[in-house]
C-alpha atoms as a PDB file:
ATOM      1  CA  UNK A   1       0.000   0.000   0.000  1.00  0.00           C
ATOM      2  CA  UNK A   2       1.331   3.513  -0.764  1.00  0.00           C
ATOM      3  CA  UNK A   3       2.249   5.839   2.058  1.00  0.00           C
ATOM      4  CA  UNK A   4       0.528   9.150   2.675  1.00  0.00           C
ATOM      5  CA  UNK A   5       2.499  11.558   0.471  1.00  0.00           C
ATOM      6  CA  UNK A   6       2.425  14.120   3.281  1.00  0.00           C
ATOM      7  CA  UNK A   7       4.446  11.947   5.632  1.00  0.00           C
ATOM      8  CA  UNK A   8       6.964   9.143   5.421  1.00  0.00           C
ATOM      9  CA  UNK A   9       7.887   7.490   8.723  1.00  0.00           C
ATOM     10  CA  UNK A  10      11.521   6.879   9.438  1.00  0.00           C
ATOM     11  CA  UNK A  11      12.435   4.092  11.813  1.00  0.00           C
ATOM     12  CA  UNK A  12      13.656   5.300  15.221  1.00  0.00           C
ATOM     13  CA  UNK A  13      12.608   8.933  14.721  1.00  0.00           C
ATOM     14  CA  UNK A  14      10.513  10.582  17.419  1.00  0.00           C
ATOM     15  CA  UNK A  15       6.923  11.763  17.575  1.00  0.00           C
ATOM     16  CA  UNK A  16       4.819  13.719  20.061  1.00  0.00           C
ATOM     17  CA  UNK A  17       2.828  12.059  22.832  1.00  0.00           C
ATOM     18  CA  UNK A  18       0.689  13.337  25.695  1.00  0.00           C
ATOM     19  CA  UNK A  19       2.003  11.459  28.716  1.00  0.00           C
ATOM     20  CA  UNK A  20       0.719  11.362  32.294  1.00  0.00           C
ATOM     21  CA  UNK A  21       4.050  10.963  34.068  1.00  0.00           C
ATOM     22  CA  UNK A  22       2.475  10.602  37.495  1.00  0.00           C
ATOM     23  CA  UNK A  23      -0.869  11.552  39.080  1.00  0.00           C
ATOM     24  CA  UNK A  24      -1.487  15.239  38.501  1.00  0.00           C
ATOM     25  CA  UNK A  25       1.314  15.722  35.963  1.00  0.00           C
ATOM     26  CA  UNK A  26       0.712  15.561  32.206  1.00  0.00           C
ATOM     27  CA  UNK A  27       3.343  16.626  29.680  1.00  0.00           C
ATOM     28  CA  UNK A  28       4.047  16.585  25.957  1.00  0.00           C
ATOM     29  CA  UNK A  29       6.950  14.188  25.457  1.00  0.00           C
ATOM     30  CA  UNK A  30       8.672  12.361  22.617  1.00  0.00           C
ATOM     31  CA  UNK A  31       8.523   8.645  21.890  1.00  0.00           C
ATOM     32  CA  UNK A  32       9.710   6.434  19.044  1.00  0.00           C
ATOM     33  CA  UNK A  33       7.474   6.131  16.001  1.00  0.00           C
ATOM     34  CA  UNK A  34       5.707   2.754  15.765  1.00  0.00           C
ATOM     35  CA  UNK A  35       6.820  -0.189  13.672  1.00  0.00           C
ATOM     36  CA  UNK A  36       4.027  -1.912  11.763  1.00  0.00           C
ATOM     37  CA  UNK A  37       3.837  -5.707  12.023  1.00  0.00           C
ATOM     38  CA  UNK A  38       1.911  -8.210   9.890  1.00  0.00           C
ATOM     39  CA  UNK A  39      -1.858  -7.726   9.864  1.00  0.00           C
ATOM     40  CA  UNK A  40      -1.609  -4.182  11.229  1.00  0.00           C
ATOM     41  CA  UNK A  41      -2.285  -0.824   9.605  1.00  0.00           C
ATOM     42  CA  UNK A  42      -0.311   2.342  10.170  1.00  0.00           C
ATOM     43  CA  UNK A  43      -2.492   5.293  11.196  1.00  0.00           C
ATOM     44  CA  UNK A  44      -2.020   9.013  11.545  1.00  0.00           C
ATOM     45  CA  UNK A  45      -3.983  10.067  14.627  1.00  0.00           C
ATOM     46  CA  UNK A  46      -6.180  13.085  13.911  1.00  0.00           C
ATOM     47  CA  UNK A  47      -8.219  13.612  17.084  1.00  0.00           C
ATOM     48  CA  UNK A  48      -8.633  11.950  20.478  1.00  0.00           C
ATOM     49  CA  UNK A  49     -11.480  12.462  22.942  1.00  0.00           C
ATOM     50  CA  UNK A  50     -11.087  12.415  26.707  1.00  0.00           C
ATOM     51  CA  UNK A  51     -13.542  10.703  29.057  1.00  0.00           C
ATOM     52  CA  UNK A  52     -14.011  10.186  32.789  1.00  0.00           C
ATOM     53  CA  UNK A  53     -11.553   7.309  32.911  1.00  0.00           C
ATOM     54  CA  UNK A  54      -8.856   9.613  31.483  1.00  0.00           C
ATOM     55  CA  UNK A  55      -9.648  12.160  34.187  1.00  0.00           C
ATOM     56  CA  UNK A  56      -9.416   9.460  36.858  1.00  0.00           C
ATOM     57  CA  UNK A  57      -6.096   8.333  35.394  1.00  0.00           C
ATOM     58  CA  UNK A  58      -4.772  11.887  35.584  1.00  0.00           C
ATOM     59  CA  UNK A  59      -5.984  12.180  39.167  1.00  0.00           C
ATOM     60  CA  UNK A  60      -4.454   8.850  40.170  1.00  0.00           C
ATOM     61  CA  UNK A  61      -7.853   7.292  40.881  1.00  0.00           C
ATOM     62  CA  UNK A  62      -7.863   4.607  38.199  1.00  0.00           C
ATOM     63  CA  UNK A  63      -6.589   1.385  39.805  1.00  0.00           C
ATOM     64  CA  UNK A  64      -5.919  -0.215  36.407  1.00  0.00           C
ATOM     65  CA  UNK A  65      -3.363   2.435  35.363  1.00  0.00           C
ATOM     66  CA  UNK A  66       0.370   2.433  35.996  1.00  0.00           C
ATOM     67  CA  UNK A  67       2.629   5.395  35.219  1.00  0.00           C
ATOM     68  CA  UNK A  68       3.896   6.848  33.004  1.00  0.00           C
ATOM     69  CA  UNK A  69       0.914   6.317  30.703  1.00  0.00           C
ATOM     70  CA  UNK A  70      -0.060   7.751  27.304  1.00  0.00           C
ATOM     71  CA  UNK A  71      -3.806   8.419  27.345  1.00  0.00           C
ATOM     72  CA  UNK A  72      -6.327   8.067  24.532  1.00  0.00           C
ATOM     73  CA  UNK A  73      -8.942   5.511  23.508  1.00  0.00           C
ATOM     74  CA  UNK A  74     -11.578   7.654  21.714  1.00  0.00           C
ATOM     75  CA  UNK A  75      -9.857   7.991  18.376  1.00  0.00           C
ATOM     76  CA  UNK A  76     -10.272   9.347  14.861  1.00  0.00           C
ATOM     77  CA  UNK A  77      -7.408   8.558  12.495  1.00  0.00           C
ATOM     78  CA  UNK A  78      -6.416   8.365   8.842  1.00  0.00           C
ATOM     79  CA  UNK A  79      -4.906   5.219   7.336  1.00  0.00           C
ATOM     80  CA  UNK A  80      -1.349   5.763   6.100  1.00  0.00           C
ATOM     81  CA  UNK A  81      -0.539   2.165   5.190  1.00  0.00           C
ATOM     82  CA  UNK A  82      -2.996  -0.699   4.742  1.00  0.00           C
ATOM     83  CA  UNK A  83      -2.325  -4.427   4.812  1.00  0.00           C
ATOM     84  CA  UNK A  84      -2.940  -7.339   2.469  1.00  0.00           C
ATOM     85  CA  UNK A  85      -5.338  -8.964   4.935  1.00  0.00           C
ATOM     86  CA  UNK A  86      -7.809  -6.044   4.707  1.00  0.00           C
ATOM     87  CA  UNK A  87      -7.835  -4.630   1.152  1.00  0.00           C
ATOM     88  CA  UNK A  88     -11.073  -2.744   1.892  1.00  0.00           C
ATOM     89  CA  UNK A  89      -9.161  -0.483   4.299  1.00  0.00           C
ATOM     90  CA  UNK A  90      -7.152   1.757   2.034  1.00  0.00           C
ATOM     91  CA  UNK A  91      -4.595   4.507   2.563  1.00  0.00           C
ATOM     92  CA  UNK A  92      -6.335   7.858   2.961  1.00  0.00           C
ATOM     93  CA  UNK A  93      -9.490   6.473   4.591  1.00  0.00           C
ATOM     94  CA  UNK A  94     -10.663   8.036   7.865  1.00  0.00           C
ATOM     95  CA  UNK A  95     -11.543   5.544  10.595  1.00  0.00           C
ATOM     96  CA  UNK A  96     -12.440   5.157  14.240  1.00  0.00           C
ATOM     97  CA  UNK A  97     -11.430   2.147  16.280  1.00  0.00           C
ATOM     98  CA  UNK A  98     -12.282  -0.314  19.009  1.00  0.00           C
ATOM     99  CA  UNK A  99      -9.624   0.276  21.698  1.00  0.00           C
ATOM    100  CA  UNK A 100      -9.992  -3.093  23.428  1.00  0.00           C
ATOM    101  CA  UNK A 101      -8.106  -6.367  23.163  1.00  0.00           C
ATOM    102  CA  UNK A 102      -9.443  -9.901  23.516  1.00  0.00           C
ATOM    103  CA  UNK A 103      -7.530 -13.080  24.257  1.00  0.00           C
ATOM    104  CA  UNK A 104      -9.828 -15.474  22.394  1.00  0.00           C
ATOM    105  CA  UNK A 105      -9.558 -18.121  25.117  1.00  0.00           C
ATOM    106  CA  UNK A 106     -11.270 -16.859  28.294  1.00  0.00           C
ATOM    107  CA  UNK A 107     -14.905 -17.635  29.128  1.00  0.00           C
ATOM    108  CA  UNK A 108     -16.132 -14.299  27.708  1.00  0.00           C
ATOM    109  CA  UNK A 109     -14.314 -14.700  24.412  1.00  0.00           C
ATOM    110  CA  UNK A 110     -15.410 -18.319  24.025  1.00  0.00           C
ATOM    111  CA  UNK A 111     -19.040 -17.277  24.579  1.00  0.00           C
ATOM    112  CA  UNK A 112     -18.878 -14.699  21.775  1.00  0.00           C
ATOM    113  CA  UNK A 113     -18.569 -11.660  24.062  1.00  0.00           C
ATOM    114  CA  UNK A 114     -14.979 -10.469  23.594  1.00  0.00           C
ATOM    115  CA  UNK A 115     -15.944  -6.987  24.841  1.00  0.00           C
ATOM    116  CA  UNK A 116     -15.833  -8.484  28.346  1.00  0.00           C
ATOM    117  CA  UNK A 117     -12.543 -10.338  27.863  1.00  0.00           C
ATOM    118  CA  UNK A 118     -11.048 -11.251  31.228  1.00  0.00           C
ATOM    119  CA  UNK A 119      -7.641 -10.083  30.037  1.00  0.00           C
ATOM    120  CA  UNK A 120      -8.700  -6.989  28.072  1.00  0.00           C
ATOM    121  CA  UNK A 121      -6.189  -4.178  27.748  1.00  0.00           C
ATOM    122  CA  UNK A 122      -7.791  -0.892  26.722  1.00  0.00           C
ATOM    123  CA  UNK A 123      -5.765   1.781  24.947  1.00  0.00           C
ATOM    124  CA  UNK A 124      -4.738   4.457  27.409  1.00  0.00           C
ATOM    125  CA  UNK A 125      -5.578   2.345  30.447  1.00  0.00           C
ATOM    126  CA  UNK A 126      -3.723  -0.966  30.745  1.00  0.00           C
ATOM    127  CA  UNK A 127      -1.516  -0.104  27.753  1.00  0.00           C
ATOM    128  CA  UNK A 128      -0.346   3.122  26.132  1.00  0.00           C
ATOM    129  CA  UNK A 129      -3.033   4.919  24.172  1.00  0.00           C
ATOM    130  CA  UNK A 130      -3.442   6.944  21.013  1.00  0.00           C
ATOM    131  CA  UNK A 131      -2.506  10.461  22.092  1.00  0.00           C
ATOM    132  CA  UNK A 132       0.502  10.287  19.766  1.00  0.00           C
ATOM    133  CA  UNK A 133       1.086  11.236  16.140  1.00  0.00           C
ATOM    134  CA  UNK A 134       1.041   7.665  14.775  1.00  0.00           C
ATOM    135  CA  UNK A 135      -0.166   4.267  15.951  1.00  0.00           C
ATOM    136  CA  UNK A 136      -0.588   0.789  14.515  1.00  0.00           C
ATOM    137  CA  UNK A 137      -3.790  -1.241  14.867  1.00  0.00           C
ATOM    138  CA  UNK A 138      -5.103  -4.607  13.666  1.00  0.00           C
ATOM    139  CA  UNK A 139      -7.518  -4.342  10.751  1.00  0.00           C
ATOM    140  CA  UNK A 140     -10.356  -5.932  12.735  1.00  0.00           C
ATOM    141  CA  UNK A 141     -10.367  -3.044  15.196  1.00  0.00           C
ATOM    142  CA  UNK A 142     -10.974  -0.324  12.578  1.00  0.00           C
ATOM    143  CA  UNK A 143     -14.315   1.083  11.432  1.00  0.00           C
ATOM    144  CA  UNK A 144     -14.611   3.534   8.520  1.00  0.00           C
ATOM    145  CA  UNK A 145     -17.553   5.877   8.219  1.00  0.00           C
ATOM    146  CA  UNK A 146     -18.784   8.775   6.099  1.00  0.00           C
ATOM    147  CA  UNK A 147     -18.222  11.119   9.008  1.00  0.00           C
ATOM    148  CA  UNK A 148     -16.171  14.146   9.995  1.00  0.00           C
ATOM    149  CA  UNK A 149     -13.100  13.660  12.162  1.00  0.00           C
ATOM    150  CA  UNK A 150     -14.982  15.031  15.173  1.00  0.00           C
ATOM    151  CA  UNK A 151     -17.861  12.605  14.579  1.00  0.00           C
ATOM    152  CA  UNK A 152     -15.505   9.660  14.250  1.00  0.00           C
ATOM    153  CA  UNK A 153     -13.921  10.692  17.535  1.00  0.00           C
ATOM    154  CA  UNK A 154     -17.334  10.500  19.244  1.00  0.00           C
ATOM    155  CA  UNK A 155     -18.142   6.979  18.088  1.00  0.00           C
ATOM    156  CA  UNK A 156     -16.414   4.947  20.808  1.00  0.00           C
ATOM    157  CA  UNK A 157     -17.969   6.629  23.890  1.00  0.00           C
ATOM    158  CA  UNK A 158     -21.410   6.456  22.275  1.00  0.00           C
ATOM    159  CA  UNK A 159     -20.967   2.734  21.563  1.00  0.00           C
ATOM    160  CA  UNK A 160     -20.647   2.002  25.285  1.00  0.00           C
ATOM    161  CA  UNK A 161     -24.127   3.409  25.908  1.00  0.00           C
ATOM    162  CA  UNK A 162     -25.428   1.730  22.767  1.00  0.00           C
ATOM    163  CA  UNK A 163     -24.165  -1.620  24.061  1.00  0.00           C
ATOM    164  CA  UNK A 164     -25.988  -1.070  27.366  1.00  0.00           C
ATOM    165  CA  UNK A 165     -29.247  -0.591  25.445  1.00  0.00           C
ATOM    166  CA  UNK A 166     -28.575  -3.796  23.536  1.00  0.00           C
ATOM    167  CA  UNK A 167     -27.902  -5.624  26.815  1.00  0.00           C
ATOM    168  CA  UNK A 168     -31.282  -4.413  28.104  1.00  0.00           C
ATOM    169  CA  UNK A 169     -33.016  -5.613  24.917  1.00  0.00           C
ATOM    170  CA  UNK A 170     -34.953  -2.352  24.782  1.00  0.00           C
ATOM    171  CA  UNK A 171     -38.138  -2.501  22.712  1.00  0.00           C
ATOM    172  CA  UNK A 172     -40.326   0.127  21.081  1.00  0.00           C
ATOM    173  CA  UNK A 173     -42.799   1.683  23.507  1.00  0.00           C
ATOM    174  CA  UNK A 174     -40.869   0.805  26.650  1.00  0.00           C
ATOM    175  CA  UNK A 175     -39.879   3.517  29.118  1.00  0.00           C
ATOM    176  CA  UNK A 176     -36.130   3.758  29.650  1.00  0.00           C
ATOM    177  CA  UNK A 177     -34.547   5.998  32.298  1.00  0.00           C
ATOM    178  CA  UNK A 178     -30.865   6.821  31.811  1.00  0.00           C
ATOM    179  CA  UNK A 179     -28.994   7.968  34.909  1.00  0.00           C
ATOM    180  CA  UNK A 180     -26.145  10.232  33.798  1.00  0.00           C
ATOM    181  CA  UNK A 181     -25.852  12.286  30.615  1.00  0.00           C
ATOM    182  CA  UNK A 182     -22.150  12.149  29.874  1.00  0.00           C
ATOM    183  CA  UNK A 183     -20.868  10.527  26.686  1.00  0.00           C
ATOM    184  CA  UNK A 184     -22.006   7.041  27.697  1.00  0.00           C
ATOM    185  CA  UNK A 185     -25.426   8.240  28.818  1.00  0.00           C
ATOM    186  CA  UNK A 186     -25.923  10.187  25.588  1.00  0.00           C
ATOM    187  CA  UNK A 187     -25.118   7.037  23.625  1.00  0.00           C
ATOM    188  CA  UNK A 188     -27.742   5.120  25.600  1.00  0.00           C
ATOM    189  CA  UNK A 189     -30.317   7.872  25.090  1.00  0.00           C
ATOM    190  CA  UNK A 190     -29.723   8.017  21.341  1.00  0.00           C
ATOM    191  CA  UNK A 191     -29.799   4.225  20.966  1.00  0.00           C
ATOM    192  CA  UNK A 192     -32.953   3.791  23.070  1.00  0.00           C
ATOM    193  CA  UNK A 193     -34.664   6.600  21.158  1.00  0.00           C
ATOM    194  CA  UNK A 194     -33.716   4.944  17.856  1.00  0.00           C
ATOM    195  CA  UNK A 195     -35.429   1.756  19.034  1.00  0.00           C
ATOM    196  CA  UNK A 196     -38.661   3.653  19.674  1.00  0.00           C
ATOM    197  CA  UNK A 197     -38.461   3.761  23.470  1.00  0.00           C
ATOM    198  CA  UNK A 198     -39.700   6.621  25.634  1.00  0.00           C
ATOM    199  CA  UNK A 199     -36.488   7.987  27.130  1.00  0.00           C
ATOM    200  CA  UNK A 200     -36.010   9.841  30.423  1.00  0.00           C
ATOM    201  CA  UNK A 201     -32.678  11.589  30.997  1.00  0.00           C
ATOM    202  CA  UNK A 202     -31.623  11.982  34.630  1.00  0.00           C
ATOM    203  CA  UNK A 203     -28.793  14.278  35.712  1.00  0.00           C
ATOM    204  CA  UNK A 204     -28.041  17.233  37.974  1.00  0.00           C
ATOM    205  CA  UNK A 205     -26.614  19.482  35.240  1.00  0.00           C
ATOM    206  CA  UNK A 206     -28.999  21.541  33.123  1.00  0.00           C
ATOM    207  CA  UNK A 207     -26.562  21.852  30.232  1.00  0.00           C
ATOM    208  CA  UNK A 208     -26.137  18.091  29.991  1.00  0.00           C
ATOM    209  CA  UNK A 209     -29.894  17.591  30.203  1.00  0.00           C
ATOM    210  CA  UNK A 210     -30.445  20.054  27.347  1.00  0.00           C
ATOM    211  CA  UNK A 211     -27.963  18.127  25.188  1.00  0.00           C
ATOM    212  CA  UNK A 212     -29.678  14.869  26.189  1.00  0.00           C
ATOM    213  CA  UNK A 213     -32.993  16.186  24.881  1.00  0.00           C
ATOM    214  CA  UNK A 214     -31.365  17.027  21.560  1.00  0.00           C
ATOM    215  CA  UNK A 215     -29.976  13.466  21.495  1.00  0.00           C
ATOM    216  CA  UNK A 216     -33.443  11.962  21.858  1.00  0.00           C
ATOM    217  CA  UNK A 217     -34.566  12.242  25.490  1.00  0.00           C
ATOM    218  CA  UNK A 218     -38.334  12.709  25.706  1.00  0.00           C
ATOM    219  CA  UNK A 219     -38.131  13.909  29.316  1.00  0.00           C
ATOM    220  CA  UNK A 220     -35.391  15.425  31.483  1.00  0.00           C
ATOM    221  CA  UNK A 221     -35.179  15.196  35.272  1.00  0.00           C
ATOM    222  CA  UNK A 222     -32.850  17.465  37.214  1.00  0.00           C
ATOM    223  CA  UNK A 223     -32.394  15.688  40.541  1.00  0.00           C
ATOM    224  CA  UNK A 224     -31.105  18.896  42.115  1.00  0.00           C
ATOM    225  CA  UNK A 225     -34.448  20.572  41.560  1.00  0.00           C
ATOM    226  CA  UNK A 226     -36.925  17.671  41.355  1.00  0.00           C
ATOM    227  CA  UNK A 227     -37.769  14.501  43.241  1.00  0.00           C
ATOM    228  CA  UNK A 228     -36.609  11.640  41.016  1.00  0.00           C
ATOM    229  CA  UNK A 229     -39.135   9.211  42.448  1.00  0.00           C
ATOM    230  CA  UNK A 230     -42.055  11.616  42.116  1.00  0.00           C
ATOM    231  CA  UNK A 231     -41.289  12.507  38.500  1.00  0.00           C
ATOM    232  CA  UNK A 232     -40.701   8.900  37.446  1.00  0.00           C
ATOM    233  CA  UNK A 233     -43.996   7.842  39.007  1.00  0.00           C
ATOM    234  CA  UNK A 234     -45.803  10.663  37.205  1.00  0.00           C
ATOM    235  CA  UNK A 235     -44.259   9.736  33.856  1.00  0.00           C
ATOM    236  CA  UNK A 236     -45.004   6.009  34.178  1.00  0.00           C
ATOM    237  CA  UNK A 237     -48.503   5.984  35.720  1.00  0.00           C
ATOM    238  CA  UNK A 238     -47.025   4.858  39.015  1.00  0.00           C
ATOM    239  CA  UNK A 239     -45.192   1.803  37.647  1.00  0.00           C
ATOM    240  CA  UNK A 240     -41.614   2.997  37.232  1.00  0.00           C
ATOM    241  CA  UNK A 241     -39.463   2.675  34.097  1.00  0.00           C
ATOM    242  CA  UNK A 242     -39.254  -0.664  32.312  1.00  0.00           C
ATOM    243  CA  UNK A 243     -35.480  -0.220  32.082  1.00  0.00           C
ATOM    244  CA  UNK A 244     -32.968   1.809  34.079  1.00  0.00           C
ATOM    245  CA  UNK A 245     -29.456   2.287  32.698  1.00  0.00           C
ATOM    246  CA  UNK A 246     -26.974   3.504  35.302  1.00  0.00           C
ATOM    247  CA  UNK A 247     -24.151   5.493  33.689  1.00  0.00           C
ATOM    248  CA  UNK A 248     -22.940   7.479  36.691  1.00  0.00           C
ATOM    249  CA  UNK A 249     -21.102   5.074  38.961  1.00  0.00           C
ATOM    250  CA  UNK A 250     -22.240   6.400  42.342  1.00  0.00           C
ATOM    251  CA  UNK A 251     -23.560   4.241  45.204  1.00  0.00           C
ATOM    252  CA  UNK A 252     -26.727   6.339  45.359  1.00  0.00           C
ATOM    253  CA  UNK A 253     -27.544   5.895  41.676  1.00  0.00           C
ATOM    254  CA  UNK A 254     -26.807   2.158  41.953  1.00  0.00           C
ATOM    255  CA  UNK A 255     -29.397   1.912  44.716  1.00  0.00           C
ATOM    256  CA  UNK A 256     -31.873   4.231  43.008  1.00  0.00           C
ATOM    257  CA  UNK A 257     -31.835   2.052  39.904  1.00  0.00           C
ATOM    258  CA  UNK A 258     -33.346  -0.946  41.703  1.00  0.00           C
ATOM    259  CA  UNK A 259     -35.646   1.254  43.763  1.00  0.00           C
ATOM    260  CA  UNK A 260     -37.114   3.110  40.782  1.00  0.00           C
ATOM    261  CA  UNK A 261     -37.319   0.414  38.095  1.00  0.00           C
ATOM    262  CA  UNK A 262     -40.710  -1.237  37.550  1.00  0.00           C
ATOM    263  CA  UNK A 263     -41.598  -4.692  38.836  1.00  0.00           C
ATOM    264  CA  UNK A 264     -40.042  -7.289  36.465  1.00  0.00           C
ATOM    265  CA  UNK A 265     -37.923  -4.485  35.013  1.00  0.00           C
ATOM    266  CA  UNK A 266     -34.303  -4.543  33.851  1.00  0.00           C
ATOM    267  CA  UNK A 267     -31.385  -2.672  35.367  1.00  0.00           C
ATOM    268  CA  UNK A 268     -28.143  -2.257  33.427  1.00  0.00           C
ATOM    269  CA  UNK A 269     -25.047  -1.027  35.217  1.00  0.00           C
ATOM    270  CA  UNK A 270     -22.364   0.692  33.127  1.00  0.00           C
ATOM    271  CA  UNK A 271     -20.707   2.968  35.674  1.00  0.00           C
ATOM    272  CA  UNK A 272     -18.213   1.660  38.228  1.00  0.00           C
ATOM    273  CA  UNK A 273     -19.184   2.669  41.765  1.00  0.00           C
ATOM    274  CA  UNK A 274     -16.123   4.003  43.574  1.00  0.00           C
ATOM    275  CA  UNK A 275     -17.028   2.329  46.866  1.00  0.00           C
ATOM    276  CA  UNK A 276     -19.090  -0.671  48.039  1.00  0.00           C
ATOM    277  CA  UNK A 277     -22.861  -0.409  47.574  1.00  0.00           C
ATOM    278  CA  UNK A 278     -25.379  -1.572  50.214  1.00  0.00           C
ATOM    279  CA  UNK A 279     -28.732  -2.786  48.834  1.00  0.00           C
ATOM    280  CA  UNK A 280     -32.155  -3.575  50.214  1.00  0.00           C
ATOM    281  CA  UNK A 281     -32.002  -7.005  48.606  1.00  0.00           C
ATOM    282  CA  UNK A 282     -35.686  -7.810  48.962  1.00  0.00           C
ATOM    283  CA  UNK A 283     -36.328  -5.547  45.951  1.00  0.00           C
ATOM    284  CA  UNK A 284     -34.367  -7.947  43.766  1.00  0.00           C
ATOM    285  CA  UNK A 285     -36.710 -10.809  44.599  1.00  0.00           C
ATOM    286  CA  UNK A 286     -40.001  -8.970  45.106  1.00  0.00           C
ATOM    287  CA  UNK A 287     -39.677  -7.196  41.787  1.00  0.00           C
ATOM    288  CA  UNK A 288     -38.104 -10.233  40.082  1.00  0.00           C
ATOM    289  CA  UNK A 289     -35.579  -7.935  38.491  1.00  0.00           C
ATOM    290  CA  UNK A 290     -33.122  -8.662  35.726  1.00  0.00           C
ATOM    291  CA  UNK A 291     -29.837  -7.032  36.697  1.00  0.00           C
ATOM    292  CA  UNK A 292     -27.114  -6.808  34.077  1.00  0.00           C
ATOM    293  CA  UNK A 293     -23.606  -5.467  33.750  1.00  0.00           C
ATOM    294  CA  UNK A 294     -22.486  -3.823  30.517  1.00  0.00           C
ATOM    295  CA  UNK A 295     -18.864  -3.387  29.500  1.00  0.00           C
ATOM    296  CA  UNK A 296     -17.249  -1.780  26.460  1.00  0.00           C
ATOM    297  CA  UNK A 297     -18.862  -2.548  23.075  1.00  0.00           C
ATOM    298  CA  UNK A 298     -19.065  -5.048  20.235  1.00  0.00           C
ATOM    299  CA  UNK A 299     -18.461  -4.436  16.501  1.00  0.00           C
ATOM    300  CA  UNK A 300     -22.196  -4.242  15.855  1.00  0.00           C
ATOM    301  CA  UNK A 301     -22.440  -1.388  18.385  1.00  0.00           C
ATOM    302  CA  UNK A 302     -19.771   0.557  16.467  1.00  0.00           C
ATOM    303  CA  UNK A 303     -21.653  -0.012  13.223  1.00  0.00           C
ATOM    304  CA  UNK A 304     -24.973   1.082  14.786  1.00  0.00           C
ATOM    305  CA  UNK A 305     -23.487   4.293  16.167  1.00  0.00           C
ATOM    306  CA  UNK A 306     -21.780   5.101  12.863  1.00  0.00           C
ATOM    307  CA  UNK A 307     -25.133   4.725  11.049  1.00  0.00           C
ATOM    308  CA  UNK A 308     -26.778   6.966  13.634  1.00  0.00           C
ATOM    309  CA  UNK A 309     -24.134   9.667  13.233  1.00  0.00           C
ATOM    310  CA  UNK A 310     -24.294   9.394   9.446  1.00  0.00           C
ATOM    311  CA  UNK A 311     -28.036  10.132   9.680  1.00  0.00           C
ATOM    312  CA  UNK A 312     -27.228  13.505  11.266  1.00  0.00           C
ATOM    313  CA  UNK A 313     -29.575  12.940  14.202  1.00  0.00           C
ATOM    314  CA  UNK A 314     -27.011  13.386  16.990  1.00  0.00           C
ATOM    315  CA  UNK A 315     -26.070  16.861  18.343  1.00  0.00           C
ATOM    316  CA  UNK A 316     -22.325  16.567  17.761  1.00  0.00           C
ATOM    317  CA  UNK A 317     -21.419  20.215  18.258  1.00  0.00           C
ATOM    318  CA  UNK A 318     -23.373  20.453  21.516  1.00  0.00           C
ATOM    319  CA  UNK A 319     -21.743  17.302  22.896  1.00  0.00           C
ATOM    320  CA  UNK A 320     -18.184  18.633  22.521  1.00  0.00           C
ATOM    321  CA  UNK A 321     -17.077  21.370  24.932  1.00  0.00           C
ATOM    322  CA  UNK A 322     -13.819  22.257  23.213  1.00  0.00           C
ATOM    323  CA  UNK A 323     -11.164  21.095  20.776  1.00  0.00           C
ATOM    324  CA  UNK A 324      -7.586  21.986  21.687  1.00  0.00           C
ATOM    325  CA  UNK A 325      -4.228  21.249  20.025  1.00  0.00           C
ATOM    326  CA  UNK A 326      -2.098  18.562  21.622  1.00  0.00           C
ATOM    327  CA  UNK A 327       0.307  21.194  22.936  1.00  0.00           C
ATOM    328  CA  UNK A 328      -2.559  22.567  25.071  1.00  0.00           C
ATOM    329  CA  UNK A 329      -3.658  19.106  26.202  1.00  0.00           C
ATOM    330  CA  UNK A 330      -1.937  19.111  29.617  1.00  0.00           C
ATOM    331  CA  UNK A 331      -3.496  22.468  30.523  1.00  0.00           C
ATOM    332  CA  UNK A 332      -6.917  21.293  29.335  1.00  0.00           C
ATOM    333  CA  UNK A 333      -6.751  18.157  31.480  1.00  0.00           C
ATOM    334  CA  UNK A 334      -5.667  20.202  34.503  1.00  0.00           C
ATOM    335  CA  UNK A 335      -8.538  22.661  33.954  1.00  0.00           C
ATOM    336  CA  UNK A 336     -10.951  19.734  33.727  1.00  0.00           C
ATOM    337  CA  UNK A 337      -9.609  18.265  36.966  1.00  0.00           C
ATOM    338  CA  UNK A 338      -9.988  21.657  38.677  1.00  0.00           C
ATOM    339  CA  UNK A 339     -13.604  22.133  37.512  1.00  0.00           C
ATOM    340  CA  UNK A 340     -15.175  18.934  36.086  1.00  0.00           C
ATOM    341  CA  UNK A 341     -18.620  20.507  35.727  1.00  0.00           C
ATOM    342  CA  UNK A 342     -17.249  23.071  33.270  1.00  0.00           C
ATOM    343  CA  UNK A 343     -16.696  20.493  30.522  1.00  0.00           C
ATOM    344  CA  UNK A 344     -18.770  17.882  28.746  1.00  0.00           C
ATOM    345  CA  UNK A 345     -16.255  16.529  26.216  1.00  0.00           C
ATOM    346  CA  UNK A 346     -12.684  17.657  25.525  1.00  0.00           C
ATOM    347  CA  UNK A 347     -11.069  16.648  22.241  1.00  0.00           C
ATOM    348  CA  UNK A 348      -7.364  16.844  21.471  1.00  0.00           C
ATOM    349  CA  UNK A 349      -6.432  17.669  17.865  1.00  0.00           C
ATOM    350  CA  UNK A 350      -3.126  16.329  16.557  1.00  0.00           C
ATOM    351  CA  UNK A 351      -2.981  17.817  13.055  1.00  0.00           C
END
């Protein structure tokens, strides 16, 4: 495959990388350019989005991260060099990617659910991520789409919420409450809306709730100003939502999910609670609940989100707080850590 005429990589030369050297310290450093192996494609990274796990990594609150660590798993890139194994992926194509690995041998992989691989290593978490000029990736992890670079960069976080909706087996006409309207919650709202569900966005930030309504939420509940239980009862004729998707990761929202969901309803947990959660367990049995975990995403979730973004139905510009050059990345992460409520989505531009 021909190289991008704008750039020819030279073995052992250096490229930029945004590196968290230790908790609270992010810098722009230099690392060696990657060497492509068989079955991999060489990519020029165009834009990388930051999410809550990146913030936790910067703060030293992500137990899966060791330092120094290059962040970045929400990626838009351009193919520089293809490979014989994937002729459909050609030099010059813009792609997004699945940032997870799968071993192929654990119980999850053998059951056809590699998204939950026991030995997964996510870019920017257990292994160095994509906040560099160039990376290599296996062909099976890449997804092209007729999208802008910014849209491609939004695909991965939206797929996590989309996968949660798939786990819940949401049907048309059902009432789905989504706790949390960050990137994952917005993906769940958009996916549930696309399936014909009545969607209720729950958050304590008015800006996020406004974006959620543009993404497909039929109702918005600000738990700072309203009683969650009262509003949910009013919206569901006293039954509660058929499905609750928890995308916050707080003990209170974990408990509220089982308290508020309807009898025989489904609860899907996406967020990781930062401390142990104490339940009134009788609700599990009395309501005969289905309680599910949801982790990462499958290829079909990436394809569904790409189709949704190609339709133009998602409020891309509203969902992104700011785009900054990589040189400003450390300052942007520090500003986010100082005032998390100020930002919805930060994207780092590399070209």
